[in-house]
Protein backbone atom coordinates (compact mmCIF):
# COMPACT_ATOMS: atom_id res chain seq x y z
CA MET A 1 17.51 86.39 -177.36
CA LYS A 2 16.88 85.03 -174.04
CA ILE A 3 13.10 83.63 -173.39
CA THR A 4 11.38 85.26 -170.30
CA ILE A 5 8.31 84.06 -168.40
CA GLY A 6 6.70 87.46 -169.38
CA GLU A 7 7.01 86.17 -173.10
CA ILE A 8 5.59 82.73 -172.28
CA ALA A 9 2.54 84.20 -170.32
CA LEU A 10 2.02 86.64 -173.22
CA GLN A 11 2.11 83.88 -175.70
CA SER A 12 0.07 81.48 -173.48
CA GLY A 13 -2.65 84.16 -172.23
CA VAL A 14 -1.89 83.67 -168.75
CA SER A 15 -0.18 85.76 -166.25
CA LYS A 16 3.38 85.70 -165.28
CA GLY A 17 2.40 84.45 -161.46
CA THR A 18 0.70 81.10 -163.41
CA VAL A 19 3.73 80.43 -166.05
CA SER A 20 5.82 80.74 -162.43
CA ARG A 21 3.43 77.89 -161.01
CA VAL A 22 3.48 75.79 -163.63
CA ILE A 23 7.34 75.73 -163.76
CA ASN A 24 7.49 75.03 -159.94
CA ASN A 25 4.70 71.98 -160.39
CA LYS A 26 1.99 73.66 -157.93
CA PRO A 27 -1.20 71.89 -157.52
CA THR A 28 -3.11 75.04 -158.03
CA VAL A 29 -2.99 75.55 -161.84
CA ALA A 30 -5.71 73.46 -164.17
CA LYS A 31 -4.79 70.94 -166.10
CA LYS A 32 -5.70 72.74 -169.45
CA THR A 33 -3.97 75.52 -168.73
CA ARG A 34 -0.86 73.74 -167.48
CA HIS A 35 -0.85 71.63 -170.89
CA THR A 36 -0.91 75.22 -172.59
CA VAL A 37 2.04 76.94 -170.90
CA LEU A 38 4.28 73.42 -170.96
CA ALA A 39 3.82 73.45 -174.73
CA VAL A 40 4.71 77.21 -175.33
CA MET A 41 7.69 76.72 -173.22
CA LYS A 42 8.32 73.72 -175.58
CA ARG A 43 7.94 75.66 -178.82
CA LEU A 44 10.33 78.20 -177.40
CA GLY A 45 12.72 76.02 -176.15
CA TYR A 46 12.84 77.72 -172.54
CA VAL A 47 14.77 76.09 -169.82
CA PRO A 48 14.10 77.38 -166.04
CA ASP A 49 17.10 78.71 -164.49
CA PRO A 50 17.63 75.80 -161.84
CA VAL A 51 19.17 78.57 -159.40
CA ALA A 52 16.10 81.15 -159.95
CA ARG A 53 14.05 77.97 -159.59
CA GLU A 54 15.06 77.05 -156.44
CA LEU A 55 14.98 80.41 -155.08
CA SER A 56 11.41 81.11 -156.08
CA MET A 57 10.17 77.73 -154.32
CA ARG A 58 11.46 78.68 -151.19
CA THR A 59 8.76 80.21 -148.90
CA LYS A 60 8.94 82.93 -146.07
CA HIS A 61 5.99 81.25 -144.11
CA THR A 62 6.63 80.74 -140.23
CA LEU A 63 5.91 77.20 -139.03
CA GLY A 64 5.47 76.70 -135.14
CA ILE A 65 6.56 73.23 -133.55
CA TRP A 66 4.57 72.43 -130.91
CA VAL A 67 6.10 69.57 -128.56
CA GLY A 68 3.54 67.69 -126.80
CA ALA A 69 3.51 67.25 -122.93
CA GLY A 70 6.07 64.48 -121.58
CA GLU A 71 7.99 64.17 -124.70
CA ASN A 72 11.57 63.71 -123.90
CA LYS A 73 13.33 66.45 -125.64
CA LEU A 74 17.07 65.01 -124.39
CA SER A 75 16.17 61.65 -125.93
CA PRO A 76 18.59 60.39 -128.99
CA TYR A 77 15.27 59.70 -130.98
CA PHE A 78 14.04 63.30 -130.56
CA ASN A 79 17.20 64.82 -130.85
CA LEU A 80 17.45 63.47 -134.36
CA ILE A 81 13.78 64.29 -135.68
CA TRP A 82 14.46 67.98 -134.63
CA ARG A 83 17.54 68.32 -136.50
CA ALA A 84 15.87 66.69 -139.31
CA LEU A 85 13.18 69.09 -138.93
CA LEU A 86 15.41 72.34 -138.97
CA ARG A 87 17.20 71.01 -142.01
CA GLU A 88 14.03 70.79 -143.89
CA ILE A 89 12.82 74.43 -142.54
CA GLN A 90 16.35 75.72 -143.60
CA VAL A 91 16.48 74.35 -146.67
CA ARG A 92 12.86 75.69 -147.72
CA ALA A 93 13.89 79.00 -146.30
CA THR A 94 10.83 79.07 -143.73
CA GLN A 95 11.05 80.26 -140.03
CA PHE A 96 10.00 78.34 -137.03
CA ILE A 97 8.87 79.41 -133.63
CA GLU A 98 8.98 76.48 -131.15
CA LEU A 99 5.90 77.09 -129.02
CA PRO A 100 5.27 76.73 -125.25
CA MET A 101 2.92 74.24 -123.41
CA ASP A 102 0.35 77.43 -123.24
CA ILE A 103 0.15 79.18 -126.56
CA SER A 104 -2.26 81.84 -125.29
CA PRO A 105 0.47 84.45 -124.81
CA VAL A 106 2.48 83.69 -128.05
CA SER A 107 2.01 86.54 -130.60
CA GLN A 108 4.19 86.07 -133.58
CA ARG A 109 2.40 85.33 -136.78
CA MET A 110 2.17 81.70 -137.62
CA ASP A 111 1.16 80.26 -141.03
CA ALA A 112 0.93 76.51 -139.77
CA VAL A 113 2.11 74.38 -136.47
CA LEU A 114 3.61 70.97 -136.46
CA MET A 115 2.76 68.77 -133.73
CA PHE A 116 4.50 66.24 -131.88
CA HIS A 117 2.49 63.07 -130.21
CA CYS A 118 0.43 65.83 -128.44
CA THR A 119 -1.83 65.15 -125.74
CA GLU A 120 -5.34 67.02 -125.45
CA ILE A 121 -4.84 67.26 -129.13
CA ASP A 122 -8.54 68.20 -129.96
CA GLN A 123 -8.05 70.89 -127.35
CA ARG A 124 -4.90 71.90 -128.97
CA LEU A 125 -6.48 72.06 -132.48
CA ALA A 126 -9.58 74.22 -131.13
CA SER A 127 -7.21 76.94 -129.74
CA LEU A 128 -5.37 76.83 -133.50
CA ALA A 129 -8.46 76.95 -135.34
CA ALA A 130 -9.57 80.02 -133.31
CA ARG A 131 -6.14 81.79 -134.68
CA GLY A 132 -6.98 80.55 -138.13
CA VAL A 133 -4.11 78.21 -137.85
CA PRO A 134 -3.54 75.02 -139.77
CA ALA A 135 -1.88 72.22 -137.91
CA VAL A 136 0.13 68.95 -139.22
CA LEU A 137 0.70 66.12 -136.62
CA ILE A 138 3.50 63.65 -136.52
CA GLY A 139 1.67 60.95 -135.49
CA HIS A 140 -2.10 59.86 -136.50
CA HIS A 141 -5.31 62.10 -135.76
CA PRO A 142 -8.32 62.00 -137.98
CA GLY A 143 -9.49 65.12 -140.04
CA ILE A 144 -6.12 66.56 -140.18
CA SER A 145 -3.20 65.96 -142.22
CA CYS A 146 -0.35 63.79 -140.27
CA VAL A 147 2.71 62.07 -140.95
CA ALA A 148 4.03 58.76 -139.24
CA PRO A 149 6.23 55.88 -139.24
CA ASP A 150 4.43 52.44 -140.31
CA ASP A 151 4.19 51.57 -136.58
CA THR A 152 1.83 48.94 -137.12
CA GLY A 153 3.57 47.35 -139.63
CA GLY A 154 7.04 47.60 -137.83
CA GLY A 155 5.47 45.89 -135.08
CA ARG A 156 4.47 43.04 -137.26
CA MET A 157 7.80 43.05 -138.81
CA ALA A 158 9.44 42.19 -135.09
CA SER A 159 7.20 39.61 -134.44
CA ALA A 160 7.49 38.07 -137.60
CA ARG A 161 11.17 38.02 -137.35
CA LEU A 162 11.30 36.48 -133.97
CA LEU A 163 8.69 33.50 -135.12
CA ALA A 164 10.81 33.04 -138.32
CA LEU A 165 13.98 32.39 -135.49
CA GLY A 166 11.84 29.86 -133.70
CA HIS A 167 10.91 32.23 -130.54
CA ARG A 168 7.60 31.02 -129.19
CA ARG A 169 7.76 32.71 -125.70
CA LEU A 170 7.78 36.37 -126.11
CA LEU A 171 7.66 39.82 -124.19
CA HIS A 172 6.99 43.09 -125.25
CA LEU A 173 8.22 45.97 -123.33
CA THR A 174 6.52 49.49 -124.11
CA LEU A 175 4.96 52.21 -122.65
CA ALA A 176 2.59 52.98 -119.81
CA ASP A 177 1.14 56.06 -121.23
CA ASP A 178 -1.70 55.23 -124.03
CA LEU A 179 0.37 57.22 -126.96
CA GLN A 180 -0.69 56.42 -130.49
CA TRP A 181 2.70 55.14 -132.07
CA ALA A 182 3.35 52.67 -128.64
CA CYS A 183 -0.29 51.46 -129.07
CA GLU A 184 0.06 50.61 -132.98
CA ARG A 185 3.20 49.13 -132.54
CA ALA A 186 1.82 46.51 -129.45
CA ASN A 187 -0.97 46.07 -131.79
CA GLY A 188 1.08 45.06 -134.84
CA PHE A 189 3.19 42.78 -132.62
CA LYS A 190 -0.02 41.00 -131.30
CA ALA A 191 -2.05 40.96 -134.58
CA GLU A 192 0.99 39.20 -136.13
CA LEU A 193 1.52 36.69 -133.49
CA GLU A 194 -2.24 35.79 -133.56
CA GLU A 195 -2.50 35.36 -137.58
CA SER A 196 0.77 33.23 -137.12
CA LYS A 197 -1.01 29.90 -136.36
CA PHE A 198 2.05 28.91 -134.51
CA PRO A 199 1.20 26.31 -131.29
CA GLY A 200 2.46 27.23 -128.34
CA ILE A 201 3.09 30.95 -128.37
CA GLU A 202 3.05 32.81 -125.09
CA CYS A 203 2.89 36.65 -124.99
CA VAL A 204 3.19 39.22 -122.18
CA ILE A 205 3.00 42.87 -122.49
CA VAL A 206 4.34 44.80 -119.43
CA ARG A 207 4.42 48.63 -119.27
CA GLY A 208 6.20 51.09 -117.87
CA GLN A 209 8.78 54.50 -118.81
CA GLY A 210 9.78 54.80 -122.61
CA SER A 211 13.50 55.12 -121.64
CA VAL A 212 16.81 53.40 -120.55
CA LEU A 213 16.13 53.03 -116.91
CA GLY A 214 12.26 52.13 -117.91
CA GLY A 215 13.54 49.17 -120.23
CA TYR A 216 16.22 48.11 -117.37
CA ARG A 217 13.30 47.86 -114.95
CA LEU A 218 11.12 46.26 -117.07
CA MET A 219 13.20 43.47 -117.87
CA ARG A 220 15.02 43.04 -114.64
CA ASP A 221 11.56 42.80 -112.93
CA ALA A 222 9.61 40.43 -115.83
CA TRP A 223 13.08 38.13 -115.03
CA ARG A 224 12.81 38.10 -111.43
CA GLN A 225 9.15 37.26 -111.05
CA GLY A 226 9.94 34.05 -113.22
CA TYR A 227 8.86 35.05 -116.42
CA ARG A 228 11.37 33.09 -119.02
CA PRO A 229 10.84 34.84 -122.68
CA THR A 230 13.38 34.23 -125.51
CA GLY A 231 12.26 36.72 -127.77
CA ILE A 232 12.03 40.39 -126.79
CA PHE A 233 10.30 43.65 -128.57
CA CYS A 234 10.88 46.67 -126.92
CA ALA A 235 8.93 50.04 -128.20
CA THR A 236 12.18 52.02 -128.46
CA ASP A 237 15.37 51.37 -129.02
CA GLU A 238 15.98 53.27 -125.95
CA MET A 239 14.06 50.52 -123.76
CA ALA A 240 15.97 47.78 -125.61
CA VAL A 241 19.22 49.36 -124.36
CA GLY A 242 17.85 49.28 -120.78
CA ALA A 243 16.60 45.62 -121.27
CA LEU A 244 19.93 44.34 -122.44
CA GLY A 245 21.60 46.33 -119.37
CA ALA A 246 19.07 44.34 -117.44
CA LEU A 247 19.81 40.73 -119.17
CA ALA A 248 23.63 41.18 -119.09
CA ASP A 249 23.12 41.91 -115.04
CA LEU A 250 21.09 39.15 -114.50
CA GLY A 251 23.65 36.90 -116.27
CA VAL A 252 21.26 35.97 -119.47
CA ALA A 253 23.44 35.59 -122.66
CA VAL A 254 22.30 37.58 -125.66
CA PRO A 255 21.25 36.10 -128.43
CA GLY A 256 22.22 32.50 -126.60
CA GLU A 257 19.36 32.70 -124.23
CA VAL A 258 17.44 35.27 -125.23
CA SER A 259 17.14 37.65 -128.52
CA VAL A 260 16.19 41.49 -128.38
CA ILE A 261 14.69 43.86 -131.44
CA GLY A 262 14.00 47.34 -130.82
CA PHE A 263 11.88 50.22 -132.44
CA ASP A 264 13.35 53.37 -134.33
CA GLY A 265 16.45 52.54 -135.52
CA LEU A 266 18.87 53.99 -133.39
CA VAL A 267 21.94 51.16 -133.63
CA GLU A 268 24.64 53.29 -132.75
CA LEU A 269 23.19 53.22 -129.25
CA TYR A 270 24.43 49.52 -128.69
CA PRO A 271 26.24 48.11 -130.93
CA GLY A 272 24.87 45.30 -132.96
CA LEU A 273 21.33 46.37 -131.90
CA ALA A 274 18.57 44.89 -134.08
CA SER A 275 15.81 47.38 -134.59
CA VAL A 276 12.70 48.41 -136.72
CA GLY A 277 14.30 51.32 -138.41
CA GLN A 278 12.44 54.71 -139.25
CA ASP A 279 13.18 57.05 -141.97
CA ILE A 280 13.87 60.51 -140.27
CA PRO A 281 14.76 62.30 -142.81
CA ALA A 282 11.52 61.22 -145.08
CA ILE A 283 9.23 61.92 -142.13
CA ALA A 284 10.59 65.36 -141.78
CA HIS A 285 10.34 66.03 -145.40
CA GLU A 286 6.79 64.85 -145.58
CA ALA A 287 5.77 67.07 -142.36
CA VAL A 288 7.33 70.36 -143.60
CA SER A 289 5.70 69.58 -146.83
CA LEU A 290 2.28 69.02 -145.53
CA ALA A 291 2.58 72.06 -143.07
CA LEU A 292 3.44 74.21 -146.33
CA ALA A 293 0.86 72.35 -148.33
CA ALA A 294 -1.71 73.31 -145.38
CA ILE A 295 -0.97 77.01 -145.82
CA GLU A 296 -2.20 76.84 -149.31
CA LYS A 297 -5.36 75.27 -148.22
CA ASN A 298 -4.85 72.27 -149.78
CA THR A 299 -6.73 68.80 -148.98
CA VAL A 300 -6.25 66.73 -145.67
CA ARG A 301 -3.37 64.26 -146.36
CA GLN A 302 -2.39 61.43 -144.25
CA LYS A 303 1.29 60.10 -144.65
CA VAL A 304 2.73 56.66 -143.69
CA VAL A 305 6.51 56.21 -143.94
CA PRO A 306 7.52 52.51 -144.61
CA VAL A 307 10.04 51.41 -141.74
CA THR A 308 12.36 48.55 -142.56
CA LEU A 309 13.91 45.50 -140.62
CA ILE A 310 17.60 45.97 -139.36
CA ASP A 311 18.82 42.64 -138.55
CA GLY A 312 21.77 42.70 -135.59
CA ALA A 313 23.49 40.51 -133.19
CA THR A 314 21.01 40.67 -130.55
CA LEU A 315 18.79 38.46 -132.67
CA GLY A 316 19.57 34.53 -132.89
CA THR A 317 17.61 31.66 -133.20
CA ALA A 318 15.47 30.25 -130.25
CA PRO A 319 17.23 28.50 -127.86
CA THR A 320 15.90 24.52 -127.20
CA ILE A 321 13.31 24.57 -124.37
CA PRO A 322 13.14 21.81 -122.33
């Protein structure tokens, strides 16, 4: 005779809903109750139906996705993270609403909202709180659940790699906007330089647009103004592609004269590009997981997803400087 969760519930002295939560490893079951149910399952030889379990784990929640002002929806990075989020949402059978900048006219039910690098974040959180809707941020902010790549650690990785290759004249191309991720990448880069104790380190930071064209202009202008770095760290891979274009137009050999490393892991943008790679699928998975947990009123959690260094042909040893 096939064992049902009703029989397990009866012998455990709990409801069928509690048995279902134990099977699906939900965190809302008391430890003693969980052990009792698992013991009954083991004694009866109950093995969950994997198909039924998958279906039971799916939700019918509706998630809002709120993109911050100035986010370039046409950028390769945004395209990748957006697609990864949609895959996660589809796997979990959730629905989503792309929210406009002004959400006051939005009447659809939202169980939680995912936010991208939002400006005026406190104001946005207040408007969601007034609706009773929890928020999860892809980025960092105190008091709410967040997920982000290790931006500070990635900046340190880039700095350490350039230093290990002998580079001491360094340039960092970053954004003019005071965005959390750009600031953390710059701070990590500078902190590693300061702690390295290598003599003769020079580092200049220039700010502009976080795009291919922005990277091109920043690199071109810095070179024309007489600065001659041997190692360049760009806040994004798109900026790195622009910087490489400018160096090519200036007749500067890469990596013979100058080494370049970007951030994001979009190495397909430029053959041989060195980069600090993000785990975009992991970020999307954590973001949706945090949003679903927020609906269940679980504790605020903040996740940092590790990054990796991707070596490439745009990195080389520092040239001898007279």
